[in-house]
Amino acid sequence: MSEIQFKYFYGTESDTYTFYKIPKLLITDDYFKDISNDAKLLYGMMLERVSLSAKNGWYDEENRVYIRFGIKDAMELLRIGKNKAIKLFAELDDETGVGLIERKVQGQGKSQVIYVKSFMSEVYKSNLKEFENETSRGSDFKPLEVSEVNPNKNKYKENIRDLESNPIDEDMVRLEQEVREQLGVEALKHDMPYDQDLIEEIYELILETLLCQEQSVVIASSRYPMDLVKRKFKRLSIEHVRYVITCMQQSTSKVKNIKKYMLATLFNAPSTINAYYRAEVNHDMAVG
């Protein structure tokens, strides 16, 4: 096979790729540490089929989305043999594995269908509860503590079943709405119509940071505890976002990594916003 010379990425070229949706928790959460990476990739492929099934109206009598995804599909997509494909299905299955999929035959003579299970880690619940407590009472932030994980397979299945009755979508939508209201996203987009995309990017970065499970993060070449970063981000308001946009508009230097720049500006906003506007007022008074 001839050697291919791959090119560098420039700007936002990486956004042109299409991706399989593999939830980050599937990689980082201890619940799923014993699942092979190939099985996790297979789950991501099945998630893509879930989206297609929903669009095509593939629901059962209980309004549950199902997919058609056989051993041969896994063999072709993953370029693996039949035995390996069977093993990966077994890892995900509710009877032989962790319970992320459920396989059923739709009736006599009909083909097998798969129900891909939704899941939500206690980490998300803790983050949501912490965010709500912080915004409702304004108390001091307490570091998140992830509940102890019981590795027992049956206990894990009980957790999965519990989470099915409280799916991630509902809590995520609620958290997203609370953050949007806290930041005044719609009001900002109305006042700054030419910066709507930037406003959404800032909102997404703040939400992503509040849900981050890392213990620390590097901001402007310095490493900070994640609980400190989240505490600062929970203090952000519409004026802070407006201030960050103003700083970005007034910056004359070329920004190599816009995400890192926004993260640093948002992190420092509660500490620098008053000094910035005071300097603006002093400048206007001196000029006037």
Foldseek 3Di string as FASTA:
>chain_A
DDDDDDDDDDDVVVVPDDDQDQDPCCVPPPQNPPQDPLLSVVLSVVVVQQVVQVVVVQADPVRAGKGDADLVNSCVVVVDDSVVSVVSCLCQEPVRHLHQKHWDAPDVPGDIIIGGAAADAVLLVQLLVQLVVCLPPVDDRDDGDGDDDDNDSVVSNVRSVVCRVVGPVVSVVVVLVVLCVQAVLVVVCVVCVVCNVVSVVLSVLLVCLSSDDDQWDAAPNDIDGSSLLNSLSSPHYNVLSVVLVVVVVPDPDDDPDVSSSSSNSSSCSVVCVVVVVVVVVVVVVVVD
